[in-house]
């Protein structure tokens, strides 16, 4: 994918699943095996820039005409794992969510109704031929859903401040990576505690949804929670002090012990931190 520009897109965070090559059927497995050997591969910023550039023509292109053949790649214990972008599928799914997130006049100005209807019809036809399709990546804008932090541990936190301490001179990175078996175990434990302590609600529903999604992947996969472009919207001090996974774990443990005050204190820290991030969405 060629770079569209050098503009930094700051608002998207990601939950990704990396599957071992053995999880993919041929000929896709061979494609990813060759792809993983490339010396240079595009980044999540390249994907976002291309998607934004596609909105500029008249009429705009809300989803790519062809599916992406790019992926993120990692190696663990000598095993190559890949996370396919599936940009087209994720674009279709994102279109379904837009009406509830943007005022209708804004949405109509960016993506006219006729364009959205055509994209929805294309997706419906494609889905009829691919009923089991699912993305390897979930995206959130201007926040990270709290249920994502249940999957990871503060000990798995990786924070690189940028060119000063990274040999590749890359931008800051804040992410967590954990084996799939560990992520699933934490989901199960978290759900037991939450259901014992509170009524059904958005936090439990979100965790159930994420847990079902994780069940669709190879058991030897890896799960990555990546702050993505949010690292460009936050100060180094804010990033350095952000231990949201620890706060979520502390809150769940407090609920397990019946310590309502402790759970409320952890939740208050999280709300204060992420409210400040979301407020940047409306800043000039």
Protein backbone atom coordinates (compact mmCIF):
# COMPACT_ATOMS: atom_id res chain seq x y z
CA UNK A 1 0.00 0.00 0.00
CA UNK A 2 1.62 3.31 -1.02
CA UNK A 3 1.78 6.10 1.52
CA UNK A 4 -0.82 8.79 0.91
CA UNK A 5 0.81 11.46 3.11
CA UNK A 6 2.84 11.90 6.27
CA UNK A 7 -0.08 13.31 8.27
CA UNK A 8 -0.46 11.59 11.65
CA UNK A 9 -3.96 10.29 12.41
CA UNK A 10 -4.31 10.37 16.20
CA UNK A 11 -7.68 8.93 17.17
CA UNK A 12 -7.83 5.14 16.66
CA UNK A 13 -6.88 2.32 19.04
CA UNK A 14 -6.91 -1.38 18.28
CA UNK A 15 -7.53 -4.86 19.62
CA UNK A 16 -5.82 -7.38 17.36
CA UNK A 17 -5.48 -11.14 17.11
CA UNK A 18 -2.34 -12.65 15.60
CA UNK A 19 -2.81 -16.23 14.41
CA UNK A 20 0.01 -18.68 13.63
CA UNK A 21 0.51 -19.45 9.95
CA UNK A 22 -0.79 -22.97 10.55
CA UNK A 23 -4.25 -21.53 11.25
CA UNK A 24 -4.65 -20.35 7.64
CA UNK A 25 -5.67 -22.61 4.73
CA UNK A 26 -3.78 -22.62 1.47
CA UNK A 27 -3.17 -20.59 -0.60
CA UNK A 28 -3.58 -17.87 2.03
CA UNK A 29 -0.97 -19.48 4.28
CA UNK A 30 1.69 -19.26 1.59
CA UNK A 31 0.77 -15.64 0.89
CA UNK A 32 1.27 -14.68 4.54
CA UNK A 33 4.47 -16.69 4.74
CA UNK A 34 5.91 -14.69 1.84
CA UNK A 35 4.47 -11.48 3.22
CA UNK A 36 6.12 -11.98 6.61
CA UNK A 37 9.53 -12.07 4.92
CA UNK A 38 9.15 -8.56 3.48
CA UNK A 39 11.66 -6.08 4.83
CA UNK A 40 9.17 -3.21 4.74
CA UNK A 41 5.47 -3.38 5.52
CA UNK A 42 2.85 -0.63 5.82
CA UNK A 43 1.66 0.56 9.23
CA UNK A 44 -1.75 1.20 10.76
CA UNK A 45 -1.19 4.88 9.95
CA UNK A 46 -0.86 4.02 6.25
CA UNK A 47 -4.18 2.18 6.38
CA UNK A 48 -5.93 5.12 8.06
CA UNK A 49 -4.48 7.69 5.65
CA UNK A 50 -5.64 5.66 2.67
CA UNK A 51 -9.13 5.31 4.15
CA UNK A 52 -9.38 9.06 4.76
CA UNK A 53 -8.07 9.86 1.28
CA UNK A 54 -10.81 7.64 -0.20
CA UNK A 55 -13.42 9.98 1.31
CA UNK A 56 -12.18 12.97 -0.71
CA UNK A 57 -13.38 12.07 -4.24
CA UNK A 58 -16.92 12.74 -5.44
CA UNK A 59 -18.63 10.42 -4.78
CA UNK A 60 -16.53 9.23 -1.83
CA UNK A 61 -15.31 5.62 -1.53
CA UNK A 62 -16.46 4.47 1.93
CA UNK A 63 -14.81 1.05 1.70
CA UNK A 64 -12.01 -0.23 -0.56
CA UNK A 65 -13.06 -1.76 -3.85
CA UNK A 66 -10.79 -4.75 -3.18
CA UNK A 67 -9.86 -6.42 0.07
CA UNK A 68 -6.46 -5.62 1.53
CA UNK A 69 -3.69 -8.20 1.27
CA UNK A 70 -1.69 -6.57 4.08
CA UNK A 71 -1.26 -7.75 7.65
CA UNK A 72 0.56 -7.07 10.89
CA UNK A 73 3.27 -9.60 11.70
CA UNK A 74 4.85 -10.76 14.95
CA UNK A 75 7.08 -13.65 15.98
CA UNK A 76 6.80 -15.48 19.29
CA UNK A 77 9.08 -18.36 20.30
CA UNK A 78 10.10 -18.79 16.68
CA UNK A 79 6.50 -18.99 15.42
CA UNK A 80 5.38 -16.39 12.88
CA UNK A 81 1.89 -15.02 13.57
CA UNK A 82 -0.09 -12.65 11.36
CA UNK A 83 -3.05 -10.36 11.83
CA UNK A 84 -4.74 -9.70 8.44
CA UNK A 85 -6.03 -6.17 8.00
CA UNK A 86 -9.28 -7.06 6.21
CA UNK A 87 -9.81 -3.34 5.66
CA UNK A 88 -12.82 -3.79 3.39
CA UNK A 89 -14.72 -5.99 5.84
CA UNK A 90 -13.94 -3.66 8.74
CA UNK A 91 -15.04 -0.69 6.64
CA UNK A 92 -18.41 -2.27 5.98
CA UNK A 93 -18.85 -3.05 9.66
CA UNK A 94 -17.88 0.48 10.65
CA UNK A 95 -20.51 1.91 8.28
CA UNK A 96 -23.18 0.01 10.22
CA UNK A 97 -22.14 1.84 13.39
CA UNK A 98 -21.88 5.38 11.99
CA UNK A 99 -25.58 6.40 12.22
CA UNK A 100 -25.44 6.13 16.00
CA UNK A 101 -22.21 8.09 16.29
CA UNK A 102 -22.63 11.10 14.02
CA UNK A 103 -25.49 13.62 13.61
CA UNK A 104 -27.42 12.90 10.43
CA UNK A 105 -26.50 16.20 8.66
CA UNK A 106 -22.79 15.54 9.29
CA UNK A 107 -23.05 11.94 8.16
CA UNK A 108 -24.97 12.89 5.00
CA UNK A 109 -22.35 15.51 4.14
CA UNK A 110 -19.45 13.08 4.47
CA UNK A 111 -21.18 10.00 3.07
CA UNK A 112 -24.38 10.72 1.11
CA UNK A 113 -27.27 8.31 1.75
CA UNK A 114 -27.07 6.85 -1.75
CA UNK A 115 -23.42 5.92 -1.17
CA UNK A 116 -24.23 4.31 2.16
CA UNK A 117 -27.13 2.36 0.67
CA UNK A 118 -24.95 1.02 -2.13
CA UNK A 119 -22.22 -0.01 0.32
CA UNK A 120 -24.79 -1.74 2.54
CA UNK A 121 -26.15 -3.67 -0.45
CA UNK A 122 -22.62 -4.70 -1.48
CA UNK A 123 -21.92 -5.90 2.05
CA UNK A 124 -25.16 -7.88 2.20
CA UNK A 125 -24.33 -9.69 -1.04
CA UNK A 126 -20.75 -10.36 0.07
CA UNK A 127 -21.84 -11.62 3.48
CA UNK A 128 -24.26 -14.08 1.89
CA UNK A 129 -21.25 -15.68 0.19
CA UNK A 130 -19.02 -15.40 3.27
CA UNK A 131 -21.28 -16.01 6.30
CA UNK A 132 -18.42 -16.99 8.63
CA UNK A 133 -16.26 -13.93 7.95
CA UNK A 134 -14.86 -12.12 10.98
CA UNK A 135 -12.20 -9.45 11.40
CA UNK A 136 -8.89 -9.98 13.17
CA UNK A 137 -8.95 -6.34 14.33
CA UNK A 138 -11.35 -4.29 16.40
CA UNK A 139 -11.05 -0.51 16.36
CA UNK A 140 -12.15 2.14 18.82
CA UNK A 141 -11.97 5.92 18.41
CA UNK A 142 -10.83 8.39 21.07
CA UNK A 143 -10.93 5.75 23.77
CA UNK A 144 -10.18 2.15 24.66
CA UNK A 145 -13.21 0.17 25.86
CA UNK A 146 -12.67 -0.87 29.48
CA UNK A 147 -13.50 -4.49 28.68
CA UNK A 148 -10.41 -4.67 26.46
CA UNK A 149 -8.19 -4.12 29.50
CA UNK A 150 -9.65 -7.24 31.15
CA UNK A 151 -7.77 -9.34 28.57
CA UNK A 152 -4.30 -8.12 29.53
CA UNK A 153 -2.05 -7.60 32.55
CA UNK A 154 0.02 -4.63 33.65
CA UNK A 155 3.09 -6.90 33.50
CA UNK A 156 2.52 -7.23 29.73
CA UNK A 157 2.58 -3.48 29.21
CA UNK A 158 5.12 -2.23 26.64
CA UNK A 159 5.86 1.49 26.45
CA UNK A 160 8.42 2.99 24.08
CA UNK A 161 8.65 6.76 24.27
CA UNK A 162 9.83 7.31 20.71
CA UNK A 163 12.99 8.03 18.79
CA UNK A 164 15.03 8.70 21.91
CA UNK A 165 14.75 5.12 23.13
CA UNK A 166 13.83 3.13 19.99
CA UNK A 167 16.50 1.95 17.59
CA UNK A 168 14.15 2.31 14.62
CA UNK A 169 13.38 5.93 15.46
CA UNK A 170 9.66 5.19 15.35
CA UNK A 171 6.82 7.01 17.09
CA UNK A 172 5.85 6.20 20.69
CA UNK A 173 4.19 2.83 21.28
CA UNK A 174 1.97 1.76 24.15
CA UNK A 175 0.61 -1.75 23.88
CA UNK A 176 -0.04 -5.05 25.63
CA UNK A 177 0.47 -8.53 24.17
CA UNK A 178 -0.75 -11.74 25.75
CA UNK A 179 -1.25 -15.39 24.70
CA UNK A 180 -4.79 -16.24 23.64
CA UNK A 181 -5.19 -18.83 26.40
CA UNK A 182 -4.40 -16.17 29.00
CA UNK A 183 -6.81 -13.65 27.46
CA UNK A 184 -9.64 -16.19 27.45
CA UNK A 185 -8.92 -17.15 31.06
CA UNK A 186 -9.08 -13.52 32.16
CA UNK A 187 -12.37 -13.00 30.34
CA UNK A 188 -13.90 -16.00 32.11
CA UNK A 189 -12.66 -14.90 35.54
CA UNK A 190 -13.73 -11.31 34.97
CA UNK A 191 -17.22 -12.33 33.89
CA UNK A 192 -17.70 -14.53 36.96
CA UNK A 193 -16.73 -11.67 39.27
CA UNK A 194 -18.78 -9.02 37.48
CA UNK A 195 -21.90 -11.17 37.31
CA UNK A 196 -21.64 -11.97 41.02
CA UNK A 197 -21.25 -8.28 41.87
CA UNK A 198 -23.61 -6.41 39.54
CA UNK A 199 -26.55 -6.62 37.18
CA UNK A 200 -26.13 -7.14 33.46
CA UNK A 201 -25.01 -3.97 31.71
CA UNK A 202 -22.67 -2.51 29.08
CA UNK A 203 -19.47 -3.69 30.79
CA UNK A 204 -20.64 -7.30 31.05
CA UNK A 205 -22.23 -7.25 27.58
CA UNK A 206 -19.02 -5.89 26.06
CA UNK A 207 -16.89 -8.51 27.77
CA UNK A 208 -19.21 -11.31 26.62
CA UNK A 209 -18.97 -10.00 23.06
CA UNK A 210 -15.17 -9.83 23.15
CA UNK A 211 -14.99 -13.32 24.68
CA UNK A 212 -17.12 -14.79 21.89
CA UNK A 213 -14.92 -13.09 19.31
CA UNK A 214 -11.75 -14.56 20.83
CA UNK A 215 -13.23 -18.06 20.67
CA UNK A 216 -13.18 -17.87 16.87
CA UNK A 217 -9.37 -17.93 16.66
CA UNK A 218 -6.60 -20.50 16.96
CA UNK A 219 -5.80 -21.29 20.64
CA UNK A 220 -2.12 -20.50 20.08
CA UNK A 221 -2.84 -17.00 18.83
CA UNK A 222 -1.76 -13.80 20.54
CA UNK A 223 -3.92 -10.85 21.52
CA UNK A 224 -2.63 -7.29 21.26
CA UNK A 225 -4.16 -4.16 22.74
CA UNK A 226 -2.52 -1.23 20.96
CA UNK A 227 -3.09 2.44 21.83
CA UNK A 228 -2.37 3.13 18.15
CA UNK A 229 -2.78 6.77 17.20
CA UNK A 230 -3.81 7.80 20.72
CA UNK A 231 -0.11 8.03 21.57
CA UNK A 232 -0.01 11.13 19.33
CA UNK A 233 -2.88 12.77 21.20
CA UNK A 234 -1.47 12.29 24.71
CA UNK A 235 1.56 13.72 26.43
CA UNK A 236 4.55 11.56 27.37
CA UNK A 237 3.63 12.15 31.03
CA UNK A 238 0.07 10.90 30.48
CA UNK A 239 1.28 7.82 28.61
CA UNK A 240 3.94 7.02 31.18
CA UNK A 241 1.39 7.20 33.99
CA UNK A 242 -1.32 5.23 32.18
CA UNK A 243 -1.71 1.82 33.83
CA UNK A 244 -5.33 1.24 32.91
CA UNK A 245 -4.98 -2.55 32.84
CA UNK A 246 -3.76 -2.46 36.44
CA UNK A 247 -6.70 -0.25 37.45
CA UNK A 248 -9.20 -2.59 35.79
CA UNK A 249 -7.61 -5.64 37.45
CA UNK A 250 -7.63 -3.84 40.81
CA UNK A 251 -11.30 -2.95 40.40
CA UNK A 252 -12.30 -6.52 39.53
CA UNK A 253 -10.28 -7.92 42.43
CA UNK A 254 -11.93 -5.43 44.79
CA UNK A 255 -15.36 -6.59 43.58
CA UNK A 256 -14.34 -10.20 44.14
CA UNK A 257 -13.45 -9.36 47.77
CA UNK A 258 -16.65 -7.40 48.26
CA UNK A 259 -14.72 -4.14 48.59
CA UNK A 260 -17.08 -1.67 46.97
CA UNK A 261 -15.03 1.38 47.94
CA UNK A 262 -11.88 -0.07 46.38
CA UNK A 263 -13.73 -0.92 43.16
CA UNK A 264 -15.23 2.57 43.02
CA UNK A 265 -11.81 4.20 43.50
CA UNK A 266 -10.32 2.18 40.62
CA UNK A 267 -13.30 2.99 38.40
CA UNK A 268 -13.02 6.71 39.23
CA UNK A 269 -9.36 6.76 38.15
CA UNK A 270 -10.27 5.13 34.85
CA UNK A 271 -13.16 7.50 34.19
CA UNK A 272 -11.07 10.57 34.89
CA UNK A 273 -8.25 9.40 32.63
CA UNK A 274 -10.42 8.38 29.68
CA UNK A 275 -12.80 11.32 29.94
CA UNK A 276 -9.81 13.59 29.37
CA UNK A 277 -8.91 11.58 26.25
CA UNK A 278 -12.44 11.63 24.81
CA UNK A 279 -12.69 15.39 25.35
CA UNK A 280 -9.90 15.85 22.82
CA UNK A 281 -12.28 14.68 20.10
CA UNK A 282 -14.06 18.04 20.30
CA UNK A 283 -11.00 20.25 20.80
CA UNK A 284 -9.93 22.68 18.08
